[in-house]
């Protein structure tokens, strides 16, 4: 799973910094294939120190949080959906 071509919606392309998109893909890649759900969820929060990232999936249950110091943090909810032919990263409001 997630070894398929990776796509971004317009909302992600224009709303997230490139470094953050790359980081989100890498967080997904850290989960072993056999333990990865088809739906990954990221809650992004802008903090005084930078970017807070909360990453989760439902089955099997998984969650991971991290803070990244930066000057261009965003607040958004991001979904990454894998349909076995490609993976798409989109803003929650684009779903």
N, C-alpha and C. Protein backbone atom coordinates (compact mmCIF):
# COMPACT_ATOMS: atom_id res chain seq x y z
N UNK A 1 0.84 -1.18 0.00
CA UNK A 1 0.00 0.00 0.00
C UNK A 1 0.89 1.25 0.00
N UNK A 2 0.43 2.35 -0.57
CA UNK A 2 1.12 3.64 -0.63
C UNK A 2 2.41 3.58 -1.44
N UNK A 3 2.67 2.48 -2.14
CA UNK A 3 3.80 2.43 -3.05
C UNK A 3 3.35 2.87 -4.44
N UNK A 4 2.07 3.13 -4.57
CA UNK A 4 1.48 3.57 -5.83
C UNK A 4 1.83 5.04 -6.09
N UNK A 5 1.53 5.54 -7.28
CA UNK A 5 1.75 6.96 -7.54
C UNK A 5 1.04 7.84 -6.50
N UNK A 6 1.69 8.94 -6.13
CA UNK A 6 1.15 9.84 -5.11
C UNK A 6 0.67 11.12 -5.77
N UNK A 7 -0.54 11.54 -5.41
CA UNK A 7 -1.15 12.73 -5.99
C UNK A 7 -1.55 13.71 -4.90
N UNK A 8 -1.60 14.96 -5.28
CA UNK A 8 -2.04 16.04 -4.40
C UNK A 8 -3.20 16.77 -5.05
N UNK A 9 -4.19 17.15 -4.26
CA UNK A 9 -5.26 17.98 -4.79
C UNK A 9 -4.77 19.42 -4.88
N UNK A 10 -5.53 20.26 -5.56
CA UNK A 10 -5.16 21.68 -5.67
C UNK A 10 -5.08 22.35 -4.31
N UNK A 11 -6.01 21.98 -3.42
CA UNK A 11 -6.01 22.56 -2.08
C UNK A 11 -4.71 22.30 -1.34
N UNK A 12 -4.20 21.09 -1.46
CA UNK A 12 -2.94 20.74 -0.81
C UNK A 12 -1.78 21.45 -1.51
N UNK A 13 -1.78 21.44 -2.84
CA UNK A 13 -0.71 22.09 -3.60
C UNK A 13 -0.57 23.56 -3.25
N UNK A 14 -1.70 24.23 -3.07
CA UNK A 14 -1.67 25.68 -2.84
C UNK A 14 -1.75 26.06 -1.37
N UNK A 15 -2.13 25.10 -0.50
CA UNK A 15 -2.34 25.44 0.90
C UNK A 15 -1.28 24.96 1.87
N UNK A 16 -0.43 24.03 1.43
CA UNK A 16 0.60 23.50 2.32
C UNK A 16 1.98 23.77 1.75
N UNK A 17 2.94 24.10 2.61
CA UNK A 17 4.32 24.23 2.13
C UNK A 17 4.85 22.88 1.65
N UNK A 18 5.71 22.90 0.67
CA UNK A 18 6.25 21.67 0.08
C UNK A 18 6.94 20.80 1.12
N UNK A 19 7.69 21.40 2.03
CA UNK A 19 8.40 20.62 3.05
C UNK A 19 7.42 19.82 3.90
N UNK A 20 6.24 20.40 4.16
CA UNK A 20 5.24 19.73 4.99
C UNK A 20 4.62 18.55 4.25
N UNK A 21 4.34 18.71 2.96
CA UNK A 21 3.80 17.61 2.15
C UNK A 21 4.78 16.44 2.15
N UNK A 22 6.05 16.72 1.95
CA UNK A 22 7.08 15.67 1.94
C UNK A 22 7.14 14.98 3.30
N UNK A 23 7.06 15.76 4.37
CA UNK A 23 7.08 15.19 5.72
C UNK A 23 5.88 14.27 5.96
N UNK A 24 4.69 14.69 5.52
CA UNK A 24 3.50 13.86 5.72
C UNK A 24 3.63 12.53 4.99
N UNK A 25 4.10 12.55 3.74
CA UNK A 25 4.31 11.29 3.00
C UNK A 25 5.31 10.41 3.76
N UNK A 26 6.37 11.01 4.30
CA UNK A 26 7.38 10.21 5.00
C UNK A 26 6.83 9.61 6.29
N UNK A 27 5.92 10.32 6.96
CA UNK A 27 5.30 9.77 8.17
C UNK A 27 4.46 8.54 7.83
N UNK A 28 3.79 8.58 6.70
CA UNK A 28 3.02 7.41 6.25
C UNK A 28 3.96 6.25 5.93
N UNK A 29 5.05 6.56 5.25
CA UNK A 29 6.00 5.52 4.84
C UNK A 29 6.65 4.81 6.03
N UNK A 30 6.63 5.43 7.20
CA UNK A 30 7.22 4.81 8.40
C UNK A 30 6.38 3.64 8.92
N UNK A 31 5.12 3.59 8.55
CA UNK A 31 4.24 2.51 9.01
C UNK A 31 4.43 1.31 8.08
N UNK A 32 4.71 0.13 8.63
CA UNK A 32 4.87 -1.05 7.76
C UNK A 32 3.63 -1.28 6.90
N UNK A 33 3.84 -1.70 5.66
CA UNK A 33 2.74 -1.89 4.70
C UNK A 33 1.58 -2.70 5.28
N UNK A 34 1.89 -3.80 5.95
CA UNK A 34 0.83 -4.67 6.45
C UNK A 34 0.06 -4.07 7.62
N UNK A 35 0.54 -2.96 8.17
CA UNK A 35 -0.14 -2.30 9.29
C UNK A 35 -0.77 -0.96 8.88
N UNK A 36 -0.71 -0.62 7.60
CA UNK A 36 -1.20 0.66 7.11
C UNK A 36 -2.65 0.58 6.68
N UNK A 37 -3.45 1.47 7.17
CA UNK A 37 -4.85 1.57 6.76
C UNK A 37 -4.93 2.33 5.43
N UNK A 38 -6.01 2.17 4.72
CA UNK A 38 -6.18 2.88 3.44
C UNK A 38 -6.41 4.38 3.67
N UNK A 39 -6.81 4.76 4.89
CA UNK A 39 -7.07 6.16 5.21
C UNK A 39 -6.14 6.64 6.31
N UNK A 40 -5.34 7.66 6.00
CA UNK A 40 -4.48 8.31 6.98
C UNK A 40 -5.05 9.70 7.25
N UNK A 41 -4.99 10.13 8.50
CA UNK A 41 -5.54 11.43 8.89
C UNK A 41 -4.45 12.24 9.58
N UNK A 42 -4.32 13.49 9.16
CA UNK A 42 -3.38 14.42 9.79
C UNK A 42 -4.14 15.64 10.26
N UNK A 43 -4.00 15.97 11.54
CA UNK A 43 -4.54 17.21 12.08
C UNK A 43 -3.35 18.14 12.26
N UNK A 44 -3.32 19.20 11.47
CA UNK A 44 -2.22 20.16 11.51
C UNK A 44 -2.66 21.39 12.29
N UNK A 45 -1.82 21.82 13.23
CA UNK A 45 -2.14 22.97 14.06
C UNK A 45 -0.95 23.91 14.10
N UNK A 46 -1.22 25.17 13.89
CA UNK A 46 -0.19 26.21 13.99
C UNK A 46 -0.02 26.53 15.48
N UNK A 47 1.21 26.51 15.96
CA UNK A 47 1.49 26.86 17.35
C UNK A 47 2.47 28.02 17.38
N UNK A 48 2.73 28.54 18.56
CA UNK A 48 3.69 29.65 18.67
C UNK A 48 5.09 29.19 18.29
N UNK A 49 5.38 27.90 18.46
CA UNK A 49 6.70 27.37 18.13
C UNK A 49 6.80 26.90 16.68
N UNK A 50 5.67 26.69 16.01
CA UNK A 50 5.71 26.19 14.64
C UNK A 50 4.54 25.30 14.31
N UNK A 51 4.85 24.12 13.76
CA UNK A 51 3.83 23.21 13.26
C UNK A 51 3.66 22.02 14.20
N UNK A 52 2.41 21.77 14.64
CA UNK A 52 2.10 20.54 15.39
C UNK A 52 1.38 19.61 14.43
N UNK A 53 1.80 18.35 14.40
CA UNK A 53 1.22 17.33 13.52
C UNK A 53 0.73 16.18 14.36
N UNK A 54 -0.56 15.85 14.22
CA UNK A 54 -1.13 14.66 14.85
C UNK A 54 -1.56 13.73 13.72
N UNK A 55 -0.94 12.56 13.63
CA UNK A 55 -1.17 11.59 12.56
C UNK A 55 -1.89 10.40 13.16
N UNK A 56 -2.96 9.92 12.49
CA UNK A 56 -3.69 8.77 13.00
C UNK A 56 -4.29 7.95 11.87
N UNK A 57 -4.68 6.71 12.24
CA UNK A 57 -5.45 5.84 11.36
C UNK A 57 -6.35 5.01 12.26
N UNK A 58 -7.41 4.43 11.67
CA UNK A 58 -8.38 3.67 12.48
C UNK A 58 -7.99 2.21 12.67
N UNK A 59 -7.67 1.50 11.57
CA UNK A 59 -7.42 0.05 11.66
C UNK A 59 -6.10 -0.33 11.01
N UNK A 60 -5.18 -0.92 11.72
CA UNK A 60 -5.18 -1.01 13.17
C UNK A 60 -4.95 0.37 13.77
N UNK A 61 -5.40 0.57 15.01
CA UNK A 61 -5.24 1.88 15.62
C UNK A 61 -3.78 2.34 15.63
N UNK A 62 -3.59 3.59 15.25
CA UNK A 62 -2.24 4.17 15.21
C UNK A 62 -2.36 5.66 15.46
N UNK A 63 -1.42 6.20 16.23
CA UNK A 63 -1.35 7.65 16.38
C UNK A 63 0.08 8.05 16.69
N UNK A 64 0.44 9.21 16.21
CA UNK A 64 1.78 9.74 16.40
C UNK A 64 1.67 11.26 16.34
N UNK A 65 2.38 11.94 17.22
CA UNK A 65 2.36 13.41 17.22
C UNK A 65 3.79 13.94 17.24
N UNK A 66 3.95 15.09 16.60
CA UNK A 66 5.26 15.73 16.59
C UNK A 66 5.10 17.23 16.41
N UNK A 67 6.13 17.97 16.82
CA UNK A 67 6.19 19.41 16.63
C UNK A 67 7.41 19.73 15.79
N UNK A 68 7.23 20.66 14.84
CA UNK A 68 8.31 21.06 13.95
C UNK A 68 8.45 22.58 14.03
N UNK A 69 9.60 23.08 14.45
CA UNK A 69 9.80 24.53 14.45
C UNK A 69 9.84 25.04 13.00
N UNK A 70 9.04 26.05 12.71
CA UNK A 70 9.02 26.61 11.36
C UNK A 70 8.31 27.96 11.39
N UNK A 71 8.45 28.71 10.33
CA UNK A 71 7.80 30.01 10.23
C UNK A 71 6.57 30.01 9.35
N UNK A 72 6.27 28.90 8.69
CA UNK A 72 5.13 28.87 7.77
C UNK A 72 4.16 27.74 8.10
N UNK A 73 3.82 27.59 9.38
CA UNK A 73 2.90 26.54 9.83
C UNK A 73 1.48 26.84 9.35
N UNK A 74 0.67 25.79 9.27
CA UNK A 74 -0.73 25.91 8.85
C UNK A 74 -1.62 25.15 9.81
N UNK A 75 -2.90 25.49 9.80
CA UNK A 75 -3.90 24.73 10.53
C UNK A 75 -4.84 24.12 9.50
N UNK A 76 -4.94 22.80 9.48
CA UNK A 76 -5.77 22.10 8.49
C UNK A 76 -5.92 20.65 8.89
N UNK A 77 -6.94 20.02 8.33
CA UNK A 77 -7.11 18.57 8.47
C UNK A 77 -6.85 17.98 7.09
N UNK A 78 -5.99 16.97 7.04
CA UNK A 78 -5.56 16.37 5.78
C UNK A 78 -5.92 14.89 5.79
N UNK A 79 -6.46 14.40 4.68
CA UNK A 79 -6.69 12.98 4.48
C UNK A 79 -5.74 12.49 3.39
N UNK A 80 -5.26 11.26 3.56
CA UNK A 80 -4.54 10.58 2.49
C UNK A 80 -5.26 9.26 2.28
N UNK A 81 -5.77 9.06 1.06
CA UNK A 81 -6.56 7.88 0.73
C UNK A 81 -5.81 7.05 -0.31
N UNK A 82 -5.67 5.75 -0.01
CA UNK A 82 -5.03 4.83 -0.95
C UNK A 82 -6.08 3.87 -1.48
N UNK A 83 -6.25 3.83 -2.80
CA UNK A 83 -7.26 2.92 -3.38
C UNK A 83 -6.63 1.74 -4.12
N UNK A 84 -5.39 1.44 -3.81
CA UNK A 84 -4.61 0.34 -4.37
C UNK A 84 -4.08 0.61 -5.77
N UNK A 85 -4.47 1.72 -6.40
CA UNK A 85 -3.87 2.11 -7.67
C UNK A 85 -3.12 3.42 -7.55
N UNK A 86 -3.54 4.28 -6.61
CA UNK A 86 -2.83 5.53 -6.35
C UNK A 86 -3.21 6.06 -4.97
N UNK A 87 -2.39 6.96 -4.45
CA UNK A 87 -2.64 7.58 -3.16
C UNK A 87 -2.86 9.07 -3.39
N UNK A 88 -3.88 9.62 -2.74
CA UNK A 88 -4.23 11.03 -2.92
C UNK A 88 -4.25 11.74 -1.59
N UNK A 89 -3.55 12.87 -1.51
CA UNK A 89 -3.55 13.72 -0.33
C UNK A 89 -4.50 14.89 -0.61
N UNK A 90 -5.46 15.10 0.30
CA UNK A 90 -6.44 16.17 0.10
C UNK A 90 -6.80 16.83 1.42
N UNK A 91 -7.24 18.08 1.31
CA UNK A 91 -7.77 18.79 2.48
C UNK A 91 -9.10 18.16 2.83
N UNK A 92 -9.45 18.14 4.11
CA UNK A 92 -10.72 17.54 4.54
C UNK A 92 -11.89 18.17 3.83
N UNK A 93 -11.86 19.47 3.60
CA UNK A 93 -12.99 20.13 2.94
C UNK A 93 -13.10 19.79 1.46
N UNK A 94 -12.09 19.14 0.89
CA UNK A 94 -12.15 18.71 -0.50
C UNK A 94 -12.73 17.30 -0.64
N UNK A 95 -12.97 16.64 0.47
CA UNK A 95 -13.47 15.26 0.45
C UNK A 95 -14.90 15.21 0.00
